C-alpha atoms as a PDB file:
ATOM      1  CA  MET A   1     -62.602  17.390 -91.713  1.00  0.00           C
ATOM      2  CA  GLU A   2     -61.590  15.301 -88.693  1.00  0.00           C
ATOM      3  CA  THR A   3     -57.867  15.847 -89.226  1.00  0.00           C
ATOM      4  CA  ARG A   4     -58.249  19.610 -89.464  1.00  0.00           C
ATOM      5  CA  PHE A   5     -59.426  19.774 -85.858  1.00  0.00           C
ATOM      6  CA  HIS A   6     -57.134  17.198 -84.294  1.00  0.00           C
ATOM      7  CA  ASN A   7     -57.094  19.199 -81.064  1.00  0.00           C
ATOM      8  CA  ALA A   8     -60.884  19.421 -80.844  1.00  0.00           C
ATOM      9  CA  GLY A   9     -61.041  17.176 -77.770  1.00  0.00           C
ATOM     10  CA  ARG A  10     -58.394  19.226 -76.031  1.00  0.00           C
ATOM     11  CA  MET A  11     -60.180  22.425 -77.031  1.00  0.00           C
ATOM     12  CA  ASP A  12     -63.485  21.294 -75.516  1.00  0.00           C
ATOM     13  CA  GLU A  13     -61.782  20.072 -72.353  1.00  0.00           C
ATOM     14  CA  GLY A  14     -59.876  23.345 -71.989  1.00  0.00           C
ATOM     15  CA  LEU A  15     -63.000  25.408 -72.493  1.00  0.00           C
ATOM     16  CA  SER A  16     -65.020  23.542 -69.907  1.00  0.00           C
ATOM     17  CA  ASN A  17     -62.214  23.689 -67.334  1.00  0.00           C
ATOM     18  CA  THR A  18     -61.530  27.363 -67.992  1.00  0.00           C
ATOM     19  CA  MET A  19     -65.151  28.405 -67.976  1.00  0.00           C
ATOM     20  CA  THR A  20     -66.312  26.490 -64.876  1.00  0.00           C
ATOM     21  CA  GLY A  21     -67.791  29.022 -62.490  1.00  0.00           C
ATOM     22  CA  ARG A  22     -66.739  32.002 -64.612  1.00  0.00           C
ATOM     23  CA  GLN A  23     -69.193  32.034 -67.519  1.00  0.00           C
ATOM     24  CA  ASP A  24     -70.668  35.395 -66.547  1.00  0.00           C
ATOM     25  CA  ILE A  25     -67.389  37.339 -66.500  1.00  0.00           C
ATOM     26  CA  ASP A  26     -67.608  40.659 -68.379  1.00  0.00           C
ATOM     27  CA  LEU A  27     -64.418  40.927 -70.421  1.00  0.00           C
ATOM     28  CA  LYS A  28     -64.955  44.661 -70.889  1.00  0.00           C
ATOM     29  CA  ASP A  29     -63.960  45.031 -67.240  1.00  0.00           C
ATOM     30  CA  TYR A  30     -60.444  43.982 -68.297  1.00  0.00           C
ATOM     31  CA  ILE A  31     -59.998  46.398 -71.219  1.00  0.00           C
ATOM     32  CA  ARG A  32     -58.289  49.636 -70.211  1.00  0.00           C
ATOM     33  CA  HIS A  33     -59.329  52.847 -71.995  1.00  0.00           C
ATOM     34  CA  ILE A  34     -56.545  55.342 -72.652  1.00  0.00           C
ATOM     35  CA  PRO A  35     -57.639  58.760 -73.977  1.00  0.00           C
ATOM     36  CA  ASP A  36     -55.572  60.696 -76.521  1.00  0.00           C
ATOM     37  CA  PHE A  37     -53.404  57.736 -77.543  1.00  0.00           C
ATOM     38  CA  PRO A  38     -51.656  57.461 -79.953  1.00  0.00           C
ATOM     39  CA  LYS A  39     -52.772  61.009 -80.779  1.00  0.00           C
ATOM     40  CA  PRO A  40     -55.238  63.586 -79.411  1.00  0.00           C
ATOM     41  CA  GLY A  41     -58.893  62.694 -79.884  1.00  0.00           C
ATOM     42  CA  ILE A  42     -58.333  58.911 -80.059  1.00  0.00           C
ATOM     43  CA  LEU A  43     -59.614  56.631 -77.298  1.00  0.00           C
ATOM     44  CA  PHE A  44     -57.321  53.592 -77.232  1.00  0.00           C
ATOM     45  CA  TYR A  45     -58.706  50.217 -76.119  1.00  0.00           C
ATOM     46  CA  ASP A  46     -55.759  48.512 -74.414  1.00  0.00           C
ATOM     47  CA  ILE A  47     -55.955  44.705 -74.438  1.00  0.00           C
ATOM     48  CA  SER A  48     -52.743  44.295 -72.434  1.00  0.00           C
ATOM     49  CA  THR A  49     -54.749  44.493 -69.212  1.00  0.00           C
ATOM     50  CA  LEU A  50     -56.961  41.641 -70.439  1.00  0.00           C
ATOM     51  CA  MET A  51     -53.910  39.549 -71.342  1.00  0.00           C
ATOM     52  CA  ARG A  52     -52.380  40.039 -67.897  1.00  0.00           C
ATOM     53  CA  ASN A  53     -55.320  38.391 -66.177  1.00  0.00           C
ATOM     54  CA  PRO A  54     -54.993  34.631 -66.789  1.00  0.00           C
ATOM     55  CA  ASP A  55     -58.661  33.832 -66.120  1.00  0.00           C
ATOM     56  CA  ALA A  56     -60.013  36.623 -68.327  1.00  0.00           C
ATOM     57  CA  TRP A  57     -57.517  35.817 -71.114  1.00  0.00           C
ATOM     58  CA  GLN A  58     -58.418  32.114 -71.098  1.00  0.00           C
ATOM     59  CA  ILE A  59     -62.108  32.985 -71.226  1.00  0.00           C
ATOM     60  CA  ALA A  60     -61.512  35.417 -74.102  1.00  0.00           C
ATOM     61  CA  MET A  61     -59.582  32.785 -76.064  1.00  0.00           C
ATOM     62  CA  GLY A  62     -62.291  30.199 -75.362  1.00  0.00           C
ATOM     63  CA  ARG A  63     -65.024  32.510 -76.608  1.00  0.00           C
ATOM     64  CA  LEU A  64     -63.038  33.457 -79.722  1.00  0.00           C
ATOM     65  CA  THR A  65     -62.386  29.782 -80.396  1.00  0.00           C
ATOM     66  CA  ARG A  66     -66.114  29.076 -80.304  1.00  0.00           C
ATOM     67  CA  GLN A  67     -66.734  31.845 -82.840  1.00  0.00           C
ATOM     68  CA  ILE A  68     -63.981  30.783 -85.245  1.00  0.00           C
ATOM     69  CA  ALA A  69     -64.010  26.967 -85.128  1.00  0.00           C
ATOM     70  CA  PRO A  70     -67.340  26.625 -87.022  1.00  0.00           C
ATOM     71  CA  MET A  71     -65.752  28.473 -89.983  1.00  0.00           C
ATOM     72  CA  GLN A  72     -63.422  25.458 -90.351  1.00  0.00           C
ATOM     73  CA  PRO A  73     -60.300  27.394 -91.335  1.00  0.00           C
ATOM     74  CA  ASP A  74     -57.191  25.744 -92.694  1.00  0.00           C
ATOM     75  CA  LEU A  75     -55.221  28.828 -91.633  1.00  0.00           C
ATOM     76  CA  LEU A  76     -55.601  31.863 -89.414  1.00  0.00           C
ATOM     77  CA  ALA A  77     -54.051  34.981 -90.937  1.00  0.00           C
ATOM     78  CA  ALA A  78     -52.754  37.269 -88.188  1.00  0.00           C
ATOM     79  CA  VAL A  79     -52.445  41.001 -88.895  1.00  0.00           C
ATOM     80  CA  GLU A  80     -49.286  42.616 -87.494  1.00  0.00           C
ATOM     81  CA  SER A  81     -48.837  42.867 -84.661  1.00  0.00           C
ATOM     82  CA  ARG A  82     -51.582  42.424 -82.127  1.00  0.00           C
ATOM     83  CA  GLY A  83     -53.393  39.955 -84.381  1.00  0.00           C
ATOM     84  CA  PHE A  84     -50.509  37.583 -83.602  1.00  0.00           C
ATOM     85  CA  LEU A  85     -51.561  37.567 -79.942  1.00  0.00           C
ATOM     86  CA  THR A  86     -54.997  36.112 -80.608  1.00  0.00           C
ATOM     87  CA  ALA A  87     -54.336  34.018 -83.723  1.00  0.00           C
ATOM     88  CA  ALA A  88     -51.548  31.887 -82.238  1.00  0.00           C
ATOM     89  CA  PRO A  89     -53.509  30.458 -79.276  1.00  0.00           C
ATOM     90  CA  ILE A  90     -56.653  29.989 -81.388  1.00  0.00           C
ATOM     91  CA  ALA A  91     -54.738  28.129 -84.121  1.00  0.00           C
ATOM     92  CA  ASP A  92     -53.348  25.846 -81.427  1.00  0.00           C
ATOM     93  CA  ARG A  93     -56.785  25.219 -79.936  1.00  0.00           C
ATOM     94  CA  ILE A  94     -58.507  24.330 -83.206  1.00  0.00           C
ATOM     95  CA  GLY A  95     -55.534  22.579 -84.795  1.00  0.00           C
ATOM     96  CA  CYS A  96     -55.039  24.741 -87.876  1.00  0.00           C
ATOM     97  CA  GLY A  97     -52.055  26.622 -89.258  1.00  0.00           C
ATOM     98  CA  MET A  98     -51.266  30.306 -88.943  1.00  0.00           C
ATOM     99  CA  LEU A  99     -49.658  32.847 -91.234  1.00  0.00           C
ATOM    100  CA  MET A 100     -48.498  36.394 -90.605  1.00  0.00           C
ATOM    101  CA  LEU A 101     -49.565  39.515 -92.499  1.00  0.00           C
ATOM    102  CA  ARG A 102     -46.703  41.947 -91.963  1.00  0.00           C
ATOM    103  CA  LYS A 103     -45.627  45.407 -92.936  1.00  0.00           C
ATOM    104  CA  SER A 104     -43.330  45.724 -95.931  1.00  0.00           C
ATOM    105  CA  GLY A 105     -39.795  44.365 -95.563  1.00  0.00           C
ATOM    106  CA  LYS A 106     -40.439  42.235 -92.444  1.00  0.00           C
ATOM    107  CA  LEU A 107     -40.759  38.771 -94.034  1.00  0.00           C
ATOM    108  CA  PRO A 108     -37.920  36.721 -95.546  1.00  0.00           C
ATOM    109  CA  GLY A 109     -38.117  35.171 -99.002  1.00  0.00           C
ATOM    110  CA  LYS A 110     -40.466  35.986-101.847  1.00  0.00           C
ATOM    111  CA  THR A 111     -43.554  37.915-100.791  1.00  0.00           C
ATOM    112  CA  ILE A 112     -46.879  39.086-102.169  1.00  0.00           C
ATOM    113  CA  SER A 113     -47.752  42.661-101.249  1.00  0.00           C
ATOM    114  CA  HIS A 114     -50.808  44.879-101.232  1.00  0.00           C
ATOM    115  CA  THR A 115     -50.722  48.654-100.810  1.00  0.00           C
ATOM    116  CA  TYR A 116     -53.808  50.382 -99.492  1.00  0.00           C
ATOM    117  CA  GLU A 117     -54.917  53.899 -98.651  1.00  0.00           C
ATOM    118  CA  LEU A 118     -55.189  55.219 -95.126  1.00  0.00           C
ATOM    119  CA  GLU A 119     -56.834  58.419 -93.939  1.00  0.00           C
ATOM    120  CA  TYR A 120     -53.498  60.220 -94.280  1.00  0.00           C
ATOM    121  CA  GLY A 121     -51.272  58.312 -96.703  1.00  0.00           C
ATOM    122  CA  SER A 122     -50.872  54.648 -97.532  1.00  0.00           C
ATOM    123  CA  ASP A 123     -49.472  51.434 -96.092  1.00  0.00           C
ATOM    124  CA  THR A 124     -48.390  48.056 -97.429  1.00  0.00           C
ATOM    125  CA  LEU A 125     -49.031  44.543 -96.123  1.00  0.00           C
ATOM    126  CA  GLU A 126     -47.155  41.431 -97.223  1.00  0.00           C
ATOM    127  CA  ILE A 127     -47.346  37.666 -96.883  1.00  0.00           C
ATOM    128  CA  GLN A 128     -44.828  35.075 -97.941  1.00  0.00           C
ATOM    129  CA  ALA A 129     -45.590  33.903-101.472  1.00  0.00           C
ATOM    130  CA  ASP A 130     -45.919  30.269-100.387  1.00  0.00           C
ATOM    131  CA  ALA A 131     -48.006  30.972 -97.248  1.00  0.00           C
ATOM    132  CA  VAL A 132     -51.354  30.054 -98.821  1.00  0.00           C
ATOM    133  CA  LYS A 133     -52.295  27.272-101.182  1.00  0.00           C
ATOM    134  CA  PRO A 134     -55.078  28.128-103.655  1.00  0.00           C
ATOM    135  CA  GLY A 135     -58.480  27.432-102.141  1.00  0.00           C
ATOM    136  CA  GLN A 136     -57.336  27.174 -98.523  1.00  0.00           C
ATOM    137  CA  ARG A 137     -59.946  28.418 -96.069  1.00  0.00           C
ATOM    138  CA  VAL A 138     -58.604  31.405 -94.137  1.00  0.00           C
ATOM    139  CA  VAL A 139     -59.925  33.511 -91.265  1.00  0.00           C
ATOM    140  CA  VAL A 140     -58.119  36.841 -90.865  1.00  0.00           C
ATOM    141  CA  MET A 141     -57.573  38.042 -87.279  1.00  0.00           C
ATOM    142  CA  ASP A 142     -56.727  41.365 -85.697  1.00  0.00           C
ATOM    143  CA  ASP A 143     -57.210  42.847 -82.246  1.00  0.00           C
ATOM    144  CA  LEU A 144     -59.430  45.741 -83.328  1.00  0.00           C
ATOM    145  CA  LEU A 145     -61.896  46.648 -86.065  1.00  0.00           C
ATOM    146  CA  ALA A 146     -62.302  50.410 -86.403  1.00  0.00           C
ATOM    147  CA  THR A 147     -62.673  51.884 -89.906  1.00  0.00           C
ATOM    148  CA  GLY A 148     -62.012  48.529 -91.588  1.00  0.00           C
ATOM    149  CA  GLY A 149     -59.175  49.661 -93.846  1.00  0.00           C
ATOM    150  CA  THR A 150     -56.525  47.257 -92.601  1.00  0.00           C
ATOM    151  CA  LEU A 151     -58.837  44.237 -92.492  1.00  0.00           C
ATOM    152  CA  ALA A 152     -60.205  45.006 -95.976  1.00  0.00           C
ATOM    153  CA  ALA A 153     -56.633  45.236 -97.292  1.00  0.00           C
ATOM    154  CA  SER A 154     -55.758  41.972 -95.539  1.00  0.00           C
ATOM    155  CA  ILE A 155     -58.694  40.219 -97.207  1.00  0.00           C
ATOM    156  CA  ASP A 156     -57.683  41.619-100.617  1.00  0.00           C
ATOM    157  CA  LEU A 157     -54.102  40.426-100.109  1.00  0.00           C
ATOM    158  CA  LEU A 158     -55.181  36.937 -99.053  1.00  0.00           C
ATOM    159  CA  ARG A 159     -57.477  36.621-102.063  1.00  0.00           C
ATOM    160  CA  LYS A 160     -54.671  37.818-104.332  1.00  0.00           C
ATOM    161  CA  ALA A 161     -52.619  34.913-102.929  1.00  0.00           C
ATOM    162  CA  GLY A 162     -55.424  32.429-103.746  1.00  0.00           C
ATOM    163  CA  ALA A 163     -57.053  32.051-100.313  1.00  0.00           C
ATOM    164  CA  GLU A 164     -60.750  31.539 -99.754  1.00  0.00           C
ATOM    165  CA  VAL A 165     -61.375  34.081 -96.994  1.00  0.00           C
ATOM    166  CA  VAL A 166     -64.220  32.611 -94.934  1.00  0.00           C
ATOM    167  CA  GLY A 167     -64.254  35.196 -92.164  1.00  0.00           C
ATOM    168  CA  ALA A 168     -62.650  37.940 -90.126  1.00  0.00           C
ATOM    169  CA  SER A 169     -62.382  37.908 -86.350  1.00  0.00           C
ATOM    170  CA  VAL A 170     -61.479  40.658 -83.919  1.00  0.00           C
ATOM    171  CA  LEU A 171     -61.300  40.982 -80.171  1.00  0.00           C
ATOM    172  CA  VAL A 172     -62.739  44.534 -80.108  1.00  0.00           C
ATOM    173  CA  GLU A 173     -65.026  46.258 -82.629  1.00  0.00           C
ATOM    174  CA  LEU A 174     -65.788  49.980 -82.633  1.00  0.00           C
ATOM    175  CA  THR A 175     -69.224  49.719 -84.215  1.00  0.00           C
ATOM    176  CA  GLY A 176     -69.766  53.469 -84.613  1.00  0.00           C
ATOM    177  CA  LEU A 177     -66.984  53.693 -87.216  1.00  0.00           C
ATOM    178  CA  GLY A 178     -68.697  51.315 -89.669  1.00  0.00           C
ATOM    179  CA  GLY A 179     -65.652  49.184 -90.435  1.00  0.00           C
ATOM    180  CA  ARG A 180     -67.727  46.017 -90.719  1.00  0.00           C
ATOM    181  CA  ASP A 181     -69.508  47.514 -93.758  1.00  0.00           C
ATOM    182  CA  LYS A 182     -66.211  47.535 -95.717  1.00  0.00           C
ATOM    183  CA  LEU A 183     -65.704  43.788 -95.282  1.00  0.00           C
ATOM    184  CA  ASP A 184     -67.372  41.364 -97.693  1.00  0.00           C
ATOM    185  CA  THR A 185     -67.012  38.324 -95.468  1.00  0.00           C
ATOM    186  CA  THR A 186     -68.420  37.037 -92.173  1.00  0.00           C
ATOM    187  CA  VAL A 187     -67.195  39.214 -89.294  1.00  0.00           C
ATOM    188  CA  THR A 188     -67.170  38.183 -85.646  1.00  0.00           C
ATOM    189  CA  SER A 189     -66.138  40.314 -82.701  1.00  0.00           C
ATOM    190  CA  LEU A 190     -65.849  39.410 -79.058  1.00  0.00           C
ATOM    191  CA  LEU A 191     -66.480  42.885 -77.600  1.00  0.00           C
ATOM    192  CA  SER A 192     -68.100  45.910 -79.182  1.00  0.00           C
ATOM    193  CA  TYR A 193     -68.124  49.595 -78.298  1.00  0.00           C
ATOM    194  CA  GLU A 194     -70.164  52.376 -79.919  1.00  0.00           C
ATOM    195  CA  ASP A 195     -67.347  54.947 -79.957  1.00  0.00           C
END
């Protein structure tokens, strides 16, 4: 257990330094809303504005770290592509590994794939065949939880590869779409919106 979190001291130090005097910051103030993107009728929650503000981004990563660290993951599984943005700094902070869940044909070497249904069609996710050892504790990460289809497929793929999926973590959750109900694991979100 101790070796898994070899950066724990650094993590705590970084959190206290980052959070000093800024604990009450509302991260929703840093998320830009873009209507009708990527298509009419969709309200897009843009995290790029959060990432551009160094104080807000550090606070967001500190808060996510506090949610994920108690799950004691061996690996964080980042969903392409915005999941990479949150998983990499969190893996560094808690001292665990990270793997990428990518669209078909993007990873070198032997892969394990999982095809899943979308509202209009299907998609495929892949991981490298040697990315997970049987029984490794994995938390899957993405930027957004909406209908839950991609995260559910990610969990299925990780289990197919032998992982013990101990949680899912997102930066933003659209609670009105019920995506959390499709996931049979612990789900944490940093920010939630009804629509």
